[in-house]
Protein backbone atom coordinates (compact mmCIF):
# COMPACT_ATOMS: atom_id res chain seq x y z
CA UNK A 1 65.18 43.07 -26.08
CA UNK A 2 61.42 42.88 -26.55
CA UNK A 3 59.30 40.09 -25.71
CA UNK A 4 55.58 39.84 -25.64
CA UNK A 5 54.43 41.25 -22.21
CA UNK A 6 52.48 38.16 -21.08
CA UNK A 7 55.30 35.64 -21.56
CA UNK A 8 56.02 35.54 -17.84
CA UNK A 9 52.41 35.10 -16.95
CA UNK A 10 51.92 32.25 -19.46
CA UNK A 11 55.27 30.57 -19.18
CA UNK A 12 54.83 26.93 -19.81
CA UNK A 13 55.43 24.66 -16.83
CA UNK A 14 58.24 22.88 -18.70
CA UNK A 15 60.10 26.12 -18.98
CA UNK A 16 59.19 26.87 -15.35
CA UNK A 17 60.60 23.59 -14.26
CA UNK A 18 63.93 24.19 -16.07
CA UNK A 19 64.20 27.61 -14.42
CA UNK A 20 63.89 26.21 -10.88
CA UNK A 21 66.84 26.68 -8.44
CA UNK A 22 68.73 29.08 -10.43
CA UNK A 23 71.24 31.49 -8.68
CA UNK A 24 70.26 35.11 -9.48
CA UNK A 25 72.22 38.30 -8.66
CA UNK A 26 69.96 41.28 -8.35
CA UNK A 27 71.94 44.60 -8.50
CA UNK A 28 69.45 47.23 -8.02
CA UNK A 29 69.35 50.33 -5.66
CA UNK A 30 65.52 50.54 -5.58
CA UNK A 31 64.66 48.49 -2.48
CA UNK A 32 61.10 48.07 -3.58
CA UNK A 33 61.98 46.77 -7.07
CA UNK A 34 64.80 44.55 -5.81
CA UNK A 35 62.44 42.98 -3.03
CA UNK A 36 59.57 42.33 -5.60
CA UNK A 37 61.97 40.48 -7.90
CA UNK A 38 63.48 38.50 -5.03
CA UNK A 39 60.11 37.34 -3.69
CA UNK A 40 58.82 36.27 -7.15
CA UNK A 41 61.94 34.54 -8.02
CA UNK A 42 62.18 32.62 -4.60
CA UNK A 43 58.47 32.00 -4.29
CA UNK A 44 57.65 30.93 -7.94
CA UNK A 45 60.90 29.25 -8.97
CA UNK A 46 62.86 28.38 -5.79
CA UNK A 47 65.69 30.52 -6.94
CA UNK A 48 68.58 31.57 -4.78
CA UNK A 49 68.63 35.47 -4.87
CA UNK A 50 71.50 37.70 -3.70
CA UNK A 51 70.68 41.54 -3.59
CA UNK A 52 73.19 44.24 -4.12
CA UNK A 53 72.14 47.87 -3.50
CA UNK A 54 75.42 49.47 -4.27
CA UNK A 55 78.86 49.06 -5.73
CA UNK A 56 80.52 48.24 -2.42
CA UNK A 57 78.11 45.32 -1.60
CA UNK A 58 78.42 43.98 -5.20
CA UNK A 59 82.36 43.91 -4.84
CA UNK A 60 81.98 42.19 -1.52
CA UNK A 61 79.67 39.58 -3.12
CA UNK A 62 82.15 39.07 -5.94
CA UNK A 63 85.03 38.65 -3.58
CA UNK A 64 83.15 35.95 -1.61
CA UNK A 65 83.53 33.55 -4.54
CA UNK A 66 79.79 32.96 -5.15
CA UNK A 67 78.73 31.88 -8.59
CA UNK A 68 75.53 33.16 -10.44
CA UNK A 69 73.55 31.90 -13.37
CA UNK A 70 71.97 35.37 -14.20
CA UNK A 71 72.41 38.94 -13.03
CA UNK A 72 69.81 41.61 -13.27
CA UNK A 73 71.75 44.88 -13.47
CA UNK A 74 70.81 48.45 -12.86
CA UNK A 75 73.21 50.73 -14.84
CA UNK A 76 73.41 53.53 -12.29
CA UNK A 77 74.21 52.58 -8.70
CA UNK A 78 75.60 54.41 -5.76
CA UNK A 79 79.33 54.30 -6.15
CA UNK A 80 79.14 53.19 -10.00
CA UNK A 81 77.15 55.66 -11.96
CA UNK A 82 78.78 54.96 -15.44
CA UNK A 83 77.85 51.37 -15.89
CA UNK A 84 81.00 49.82 -14.36
CA UNK A 85 79.02 47.22 -12.58
CA UNK A 86 77.80 45.90 -15.89
CA UNK A 87 81.34 45.55 -17.18
CA UNK A 88 82.27 43.76 -14.09
CA UNK A 89 79.36 41.24 -14.47
CA UNK A 90 80.23 40.57 -18.08
CA UNK A 91 83.83 40.09 -17.08
CA UNK A 92 82.72 37.28 -14.72
CA UNK A 93 80.86 35.55 -17.63
CA UNK A 94 77.49 36.08 -15.93
CA UNK A 95 74.62 36.55 -18.42
CA UNK A 96 73.29 40.12 -17.71
CA UNK A 97 69.71 41.40 -17.99
CA UNK A 98 70.00 45.20 -17.84
CA UNK A 99 67.07 47.13 -16.11
CA UNK A 100 67.47 50.78 -16.70
CA UNK A 101 65.39 53.89 -16.41
CA UNK A 102 67.15 55.78 -19.31
CA UNK A 103 67.30 54.23 -22.80
CA UNK A 104 68.07 55.47 -26.30
CA UNK A 105 69.59 54.00 -29.59
CA UNK A 106 73.19 54.81 -28.57
CA UNK A 107 72.73 52.98 -25.36
CA UNK A 108 71.21 50.11 -27.13
CA UNK A 109 74.33 49.78 -29.42
CA UNK A 110 76.65 49.87 -26.50
CA UNK A 111 74.63 47.19 -24.63
CA UNK A 112 74.72 44.91 -27.60
CA UNK A 113 78.42 45.46 -28.12
CA UNK A 114 79.16 44.53 -24.61
CA UNK A 115 77.08 41.25 -25.00
CA UNK A 116 74.22 41.71 -22.62
CA UNK A 117 71.78 38.87 -22.75
CA UNK A 118 68.67 41.21 -22.69
CA UNK A 119 67.56 44.75 -21.69
CA UNK A 120 64.46 46.35 -20.30
CA UNK A 121 63.34 49.84 -19.45
CA UNK A 122 61.71 50.98 -16.22
CA UNK A 123 58.94 52.88 -18.05
CA UNK A 124 55.65 50.89 -17.46
CA UNK A 125 53.74 48.75 -14.95
CA UNK A 126 54.87 45.46 -16.44
CA UNK A 127 58.60 46.14 -16.53
CA UNK A 128 59.41 43.80 -13.60
CA UNK A 129 57.35 40.86 -15.25
CA UNK A 130 59.44 41.44 -18.41
CA UNK A 131 62.67 41.22 -16.51
CA UNK A 132 61.49 38.07 -14.83
CA UNK A 133 60.53 36.62 -18.13
CA UNK A 134 64.13 37.21 -19.31
CA UNK A 135 65.56 35.65 -16.26
CA UNK A 136 63.21 32.60 -16.45
CA UNK A 137 64.08 32.31 -20.19
CA UNK A 138 67.88 32.36 -19.54
CA UNK A 139 67.44 29.80 -16.82
CA UNK A 140 65.37 27.52 -19.01
CA UNK A 141 67.94 27.75 -21.62
CA UNK A 142 70.50 25.84 -19.64
CA UNK A 143 69.20 22.44 -20.61
CA UNK A 144 68.57 23.16 -24.24
CA UNK A 145 71.01 22.19 -26.96
CA UNK A 146 71.33 24.31 -30.19
CA UNK A 147 73.35 23.24 -33.15
CA UNK A 148 74.83 25.91 -35.42
CA UNK A 149 75.91 24.75 -38.87
CA UNK A 150 77.89 27.13 -41.05
CA UNK A 151 81.18 26.46 -43.11
CA UNK A 152 82.44 30.04 -42.42
CA UNK A 153 84.15 30.08 -39.06
CA UNK A 154 83.73 33.76 -38.30
CA UNK A 155 79.99 33.61 -39.03
CA UNK A 156 79.51 30.40 -37.01
CA UNK A 157 81.51 31.74 -34.15
CA UNK A 158 79.63 35.01 -33.96
CA UNK A 159 76.26 33.09 -33.85
CA UNK A 160 77.50 30.49 -31.43
CA UNK A 161 78.74 33.32 -29.04
CA UNK A 162 75.40 35.05 -29.18
CA UNK A 163 73.77 31.76 -28.17
CA UNK A 164 76.13 31.07 -25.37
CA UNK A 165 75.22 34.38 -23.93
CA UNK A 166 71.72 33.16 -23.92
CA UNK A 167 72.80 30.20 -21.79
CA UNK A 168 72.13 27.63 -24.51
CA UNK A 169 74.45 24.52 -24.83
CA UNK A 170 75.93 25.23 -28.11
CA UNK A 171 77.35 22.85 -30.76
CA UNK A 172 79.08 23.80 -33.93
CA UNK A 173 79.38 21.98 -37.30
CA UNK A 174 80.98 23.18 -40.55
CA UNK A 175 79.33 20.59 -42.81
CA UNK A 176 76.00 18.91 -43.18
CA UNK A 177 77.34 15.57 -42.41
CA UNK A 178 79.07 16.75 -39.28
CA UNK A 179 75.73 18.18 -38.27
CA UNK A 180 73.87 14.85 -38.63
CA UNK A 181 76.58 13.10 -36.65
CA UNK A 182 76.28 15.55 -33.76
CA UNK A 183 72.38 15.22 -33.77
CA UNK A 184 72.84 11.44 -33.37
CA UNK A 185 75.28 11.94 -30.37
CA UNK A 186 73.38 14.74 -28.62
CA UNK A 187 69.62 13.88 -28.38
CA UNK A 188 68.92 16.88 -26.21
CA UNK A 189 69.51 19.39 -29.12
CA UNK A 190 66.17 21.11 -29.75
CA UNK A 191 67.22 23.71 -32.43
CA UNK A 192 69.40 23.65 -35.50
CA UNK A 193 70.27 27.01 -37.12
CA UNK A 194 71.86 26.32 -40.60
CA UNK A 195 73.34 28.42 -43.37
CA UNK A 196 72.39 27.70 -46.87
CA UNK A 197 75.82 27.59 -48.58
CA UNK A 198 77.95 24.59 -47.37
CA UNK A 199 80.40 22.42 -49.16
CA UNK A 200 78.92 18.85 -48.86
CA UNK A 201 75.20 19.74 -48.99
CA UNK A 202 73.17 22.74 -49.00
CA UNK A 203 70.83 23.82 -46.24
CA UNK A 204 67.73 22.61 -48.10
CA UNK A 205 69.27 19.12 -48.21
CA UNK A 206 70.33 19.25 -44.60
CA UNK A 207 66.90 20.31 -43.53
CA UNK A 208 65.25 17.46 -45.46
CA UNK A 209 67.62 14.89 -44.05
CA UNK A 210 66.95 16.16 -40.49
CA UNK A 211 63.27 16.00 -41.06
CA UNK A 212 63.59 12.29 -42.10
CA UNK A 213 64.68 11.53 -38.50
CA UNK A 214 63.36 14.38 -36.34
CA UNK A 215 59.77 15.60 -36.26
CA UNK A 216 59.04 19.31 -35.89
CA UNK A 217 57.56 18.90 -32.47
CA UNK A 218 60.86 17.61 -31.12
CA UNK A 219 63.38 19.61 -33.12
CA UNK A 220 63.04 23.15 -34.75
CA UNK A 221 65.11 24.24 -37.67
CA UNK A 222 65.97 27.89 -38.59
CA UNK A 223 67.52 28.66 -42.00
CA UNK A 224 69.84 31.62 -42.15
CA UNK A 225 71.63 33.30 -45.21
CA UNK A 226 73.33 36.51 -46.42
CA UNK A 227 72.03 35.83 -49.96
CA UNK A 228 69.88 38.51 -51.59
CA UNK A 229 67.67 35.83 -52.94
CA UNK A 230 64.21 36.36 -51.45
CA UNK A 231 63.12 32.87 -52.48
CA UNK A 232 65.55 31.20 -50.07
CA UNK A 233 63.10 31.46 -47.18
CA UNK A 234 60.28 29.85 -49.13
CA UNK A 235 62.60 27.02 -50.12
CA UNK A 236 63.80 26.46 -46.64
CA UNK A 237 60.23 26.38 -45.20
CA UNK A 238 59.06 23.99 -47.92
CA UNK A 239 62.08 21.64 -47.05
CA UNK A 240 60.71 21.54 -43.41
CA UNK A 241 62.31 24.47 -41.76
CA UNK A 242 60.37 26.34 -39.12
CA UNK A 243 61.73 29.83 -39.63
CA UNK A 244 64.23 31.82 -41.70
CA UNK A 245 66.32 34.94 -41.06
CA UNK A 246 68.23 36.95 -43.62
CA UNK A 247 71.82 38.36 -42.72
CA UNK A 248 72.60 40.96 -41.60
CA UNK A 249 69.96 40.26 -38.88
CA UNK A 250 68.73 42.58 -36.02
CA UNK A 251 69.86 40.75 -32.96
CA UNK A 252 66.71 41.26 -31.07
CA UNK A 253 64.70 39.77 -33.88
CA UNK A 254 66.85 36.78 -34.16
CA UNK A 255 66.71 36.25 -30.44
CA UNK A 256 63.01 36.46 -30.51
CA UNK A 257 62.64 34.06 -33.30
CA UNK A 258 64.95 31.59 -31.59
CA UNK A 259 63.13 31.84 -28.28
CA UNK A 260 59.61 31.64 -30.04
CA UNK A 261 60.68 28.27 -31.47
CA UNK A 262 61.99 27.03 -28.13
CA UNK A 263 58.76 28.14 -26.38
CA UNK A 264 56.81 26.34 -29.12
CA UNK A 265 58.72 23.08 -28.27
CA UNK A 266 58.10 23.64 -24.57
CA UNK A 267 54.28 24.05 -25.21
CA UNK A 268 54.19 20.99 -27.42
CA UNK A 269 56.03 19.05 -24.74
CA UNK A 270 53.57 20.30 -22.27
CA UNK A 271 50.87 18.71 -24.27
CA UNK A 272 52.76 15.46 -24.37
CA UNK A 273 53.03 15.68 -20.58
CA UNK A 274 49.21 15.93 -20.44
CA UNK A 275 48.96 12.78 -22.62
CA UNK A 276 51.67 11.02 -20.70
CA UNK A 277 50.20 11.39 -17.25
CA UNK A 278 49.32 8.36 -15.11
CA UNK A 279 45.54 8.29 -14.78
CA UNK A 280 45.46 7.08 -11.21
CA UNK A 281 48.34 9.25 -9.57
CA UNK A 282 48.49 12.14 -11.97
CA UNK A 283 52.32 11.58 -12.10
CA UNK A 284 54.20 11.31 -15.35
CA UNK A 285 53.81 7.80 -16.72
CA UNK A 286 56.44 5.37 -18.06
CA UNK A 287 56.04 6.69 -21.70
CA UNK A 288 56.88 10.27 -20.54
CA UNK A 289 59.64 9.02 -18.31
CA UNK A 290 61.31 7.47 -21.42
CA UNK A 291 60.46 10.33 -23.55
CA UNK A 292 61.96 13.13 -21.29
CA UNK A 293 64.62 11.11 -19.46
CA UNK A 294 67.22 10.61 -22.13
CA UNK A 295 67.61 14.28 -23.01
CA UNK A 296 67.87 15.26 -19.49
CA UNK A 297 70.67 12.66 -18.84
CA UNK A 298 72.44 13.87 -22.02
CA UNK A 299 72.39 17.44 -20.92
CA UNK A 300 73.84 16.65 -17.55
CA UNK A 301 76.58 14.32 -18.91
CA UNK A 302 77.49 17.16 -21.44
CA UNK A 303 78.02 19.61 -18.57
CA UNK A 304 79.96 17.00 -16.43
CA UNK A 305 77.18 17.00 -13.80
CA UNK A 306 76.23 13.87 -11.86
CA UNK A 307 72.96 12.14 -11.93
CA UNK A 308 71.45 8.78 -10.81
CA UNK A 309 68.31 6.78 -11.11
CA UNK A 310 66.14 5.11 -8.55
CA UNK A 311 63.53 2.30 -8.78
CA UNK A 312 60.85 2.26 -6.04
CA UNK A 313 58.46 -0.60 -5.36
CA UNK A 314 55.77 -0.73 -2.62
CA UNK A 315 56.48 -3.75 -0.46
CA UNK A 316 53.96 -6.67 -0.44
CA UNK A 317 51.52 -4.82 -2.61
CA UNK A 318 49.98 -8.05 -4.15
CA UNK A 319 49.19 -9.23 -0.70
CA UNK A 320 47.72 -5.92 0.19
CA UNK A 321 45.53 -6.05 -2.94
CA UNK A 322 44.47 -9.66 -2.10
CA UNK A 323 43.71 -8.72 1.52
CA UNK A 324 41.93 -5.37 1.04
CA UNK A 325 40.84 -5.20 -2.58
CA UNK A 326 41.87 -3.22 -5.47
CA UNK A 327 40.14 -0.06 -4.41
CA UNK A 328 42.29 0.08 -1.25
CA UNK A 329 45.34 -0.77 -3.52
CA UNK A 330 44.54 2.23 -5.66
CA UNK A 331 44.19 4.37 -2.61
CA UNK A 332 47.72 3.25 -1.42
CA UNK A 333 49.16 4.02 -4.84
CA UNK A 334 47.66 7.46 -4.84
CA UNK A 335 48.89 8.20 -1.39
CA UNK A 336 52.46 7.05 -2.21
CA UNK A 337 52.47 8.94 -5.39
CA UNK A 338 51.31 12.15 -3.73
CA UNK A 339 53.79 11.83 -0.83
CA UNK A 340 56.70 11.30 -3.30
CA UNK A 341 55.57 14.17 -5.43
CA UNK A 342 55.40 16.58 -2.32
CA UNK A 343 58.92 15.50 -1.19
CA UNK A 344 60.46 16.10 -4.68
CA UNK A 345 58.48 19.36 -5.43
CA UNK A 346 60.81 22.03 -6.74
CA UNK A 347 63.88 19.70 -6.74
CA UNK A 348 64.15 19.39 -10.54
CA UNK A 349 64.15 15.67 -10.33
CA UNK A 350 61.90 13.57 -12.66
CA UNK A 351 59.41 11.35 -10.82
CA UNK A 352 57.17 8.86 -12.66
CA UNK A 353 54.97 5.83 -12.06
CA UNK A 354 56.21 3.11 -14.39
CA UNK A 355 53.21 0.82 -13.78
CA UNK A 356 51.65 -1.30 -11.07
CA UNK A 357 53.32 -0.58 -7.74
CA UNK A 358 56.63 0.65 -9.35
CA UNK A 359 57.82 4.28 -9.35
CA UNK A 360 61.02 5.77 -10.57
CA UNK A 361 63.10 8.95 -9.91
CA UNK A 362 65.61 10.39 -12.15
CA UNK A 363 67.90 12.49 -9.82
CA UNK A 364 69.52 15.25 -11.77
CA UNK A 365 72.75 16.94 -10.26
CA UNK A 366 73.06 14.31 -7.54
CA UNK A 367 75.87 11.75 -7.22
CA UNK A 368 75.15 8.36 -5.85
CA UNK A 369 75.90 9.32 -2.21
CA UNK A 370 73.55 12.34 -2.38
CA UNK A 371 71.14 10.27 -4.22
CA UNK A 372 71.20 7.58 -1.50
CA UNK A 373 70.57 10.28 1.10
CA UNK A 374 67.50 11.45 -0.77
CA UNK A 375 66.24 7.88 -1.27
CA UNK A 376 66.69 7.29 2.46
CA UNK A 377 64.48 10.43 3.05
CA UNK A 378 61.82 9.16 0.68
CA UNK A 379 61.93 5.70 2.26
CA UNK A 380 61.48 7.18 5.76
CA UNK A 381 58.63 9.39 4.67
CA UNK A 382 56.64 6.57 3.13
CA UNK A 383 57.26 4.41 6.20
CA UNK A 384 55.58 7.14 8.29
CA UNK A 385 52.70 7.32 5.86
CA UNK A 386 49.30 6.09 7.21
CA UNK A 387 46.58 5.26 4.71
CA UNK A 388 43.14 5.46 6.37
CA UNK A 389 40.69 2.50 6.19
CA UNK A 390 37.29 2.33 7.56
CA UNK A 391 38.36 0.90 10.91
CA UNK A 392 42.14 1.19 10.91
CA UNK A 393 45.26 2.91 9.40
CA UNK A 394 47.29 0.99 6.94
CA UNK A 395 51.16 1.05 7.03
CA UNK A 396 53.10 1.19 3.85
CA UNK A 397 56.79 0.62 3.15
CA UNK A 398 58.95 0.81 -0.09
CA UNK A 399 62.13 -0.77 -1.32
CA UNK A 400 64.46 1.30 -3.38
CA UNK A 401 67.35 0.48 -5.78
CA UNK A 402 69.74 3.27 -6.84
CA UNK A 403 72.07 3.31 -9.74
CA UNK A 404 74.59 5.94 -10.75
CA UNK A 405 74.55 7.29 -14.31
CA UNK A 406 78.25 7.47 -15.12
CA UNK A 407 78.45 7.22 -18.87
CA UNK A 408 76.60 7.25 -22.04
CA UNK A 409 74.28 4.16 -22.30
CA UNK A 410 70.78 3.59 -23.37
CA UNK A 411 68.19 4.93 -20.89
CA UNK A 412 66.76 1.29 -20.46
CA UNK A 413 70.27 0.24 -19.33
CA UNK A 414 70.15 2.73 -16.54
CA UNK A 415 66.71 1.59 -15.48
CA UNK A 416 67.59 -1.96 -15.60
CA UNK A 417 70.55 -1.44 -13.28
CA UNK A 418 68.24 0.22 -10.82
CA UNK A 419 65.82 -2.58 -11.11
CA UNK A 420 68.49 -5.12 -10.30
CA UNK A 421 69.54 -3.16 -7.26
CA UNK A 422 65.82 -2.88 -6.25
CA UNK A 423 65.59 -6.69 -6.35
CA UNK A 424 68.61 -6.82 -4.00
CA UNK A 425 66.94 -4.41 -1.59
CA UNK A 426 63.96 -6.75 -1.45
CA UNK A 427 66.05 -9.89 -1.07
CA UNK A 428 67.76 -8.30 1.94
CA UNK A 429 64.56 -7.64 3.72
CA UNK A 430 62.58 -4.84 2.06
CA UNK A 431 61.99 -1.25 3.43
CA UNK A 432 65.50 -0.30 2.60
CA UNK A 433 67.63 1.55 0.07
CA UNK A 434 70.21 -0.45 -1.93
CA UNK A 435 72.80 1.18 -4.19
CA UNK A 436 75.85 -0.18 -6.05
CA UNK A 437 78.06 1.26 -3.30
CA UNK A 438 76.63 -1.40 -1.15
CA UNK A 439 77.45 -4.44 -3.32
CA UNK A 440 80.44 -5.36 -1.21
CA UNK A 441 78.64 -4.87 2.09
CA UNK A 442 74.85 -5.49 2.00
CA UNK A 443 74.46 -4.78 5.73
């Protein structure tokens, strides 16, 4: 499906962050094309890439039990010249980006009927970048919630299935009131696609109600209708919608409109990141941590994935400031922040300076045991840190409290639990990690 050629080059860093560490299957018999894609995905996004140059290798990979987030599929491979590999990929429920040398309208229809996530043609110098753009987009969609509102089950299911192929987390509502309830429970939803005709309230009213609680820079709305009334689009936009599509829609157009709205949100979020950066360490600050953290947690809990949160505090920082002065204190904060950022780079975890000598890490995809191991690594790395003074090197240590996020609570509650565990780490001697698994045995 067509996307502007420079999307890959200008991908917002928020989208890039969401795409990191994806598992990609590249099925391509051209060694040069496959190697270029692998190099870029591994270098730029820390993705895990598996290559298949023929049908036999593909079958061996599938038999190994590996799982993949996205597959790039060449339709004609040695041992499978009729597109059998694509059918096998789709049967495994892996979103497929087709990369083919031959293309026509009949092939387009067949690909869309099969449910491919995207397609690109090997006919120009930017073709690889377009494929990578599609892969990055699909990986980025994993943490994005989309709500489909339509009282007609068949229409709602058709659109929901299309969105699931695009890797979105999809929610469905048959009424406006149900849609509002879902939005309250799922704060990570970034897009609402709503029909006009519904039994309890029409699409205009639902749009107006959503806009009373959710600004356009946090939640986008697309109206959709099969009506022949050409004024519907204007009415939706005036009610607060961001876009409108008439049925029957062209699938590529709808997907482009959806993705453009998601990209707009990512760009707006990137502007907030710039505004929410800590002036001293350049890390995200407390405001950003509370802005981005709840949606990240909600998305992980929805998928049943673990996460935990750590509070970090520089030991004896007040004494350090009193002894050496605030300029040295600032230098220590910068050194600690830089060391933490380097250790967590590419991990997908959210690091922030909360204020003073306190930092926090939201560890996504890690349970408390895995989080404890990472915290111990961070503690050890900071312990080995030396901050240069005029005539000596200054040692720094940190204490860490780690809390597991096991259920839906306020984000402040998660942080408060980690803060209590941090207090216990300090009370037991500092320069240590303390988690709730240690409550019965502090030693």
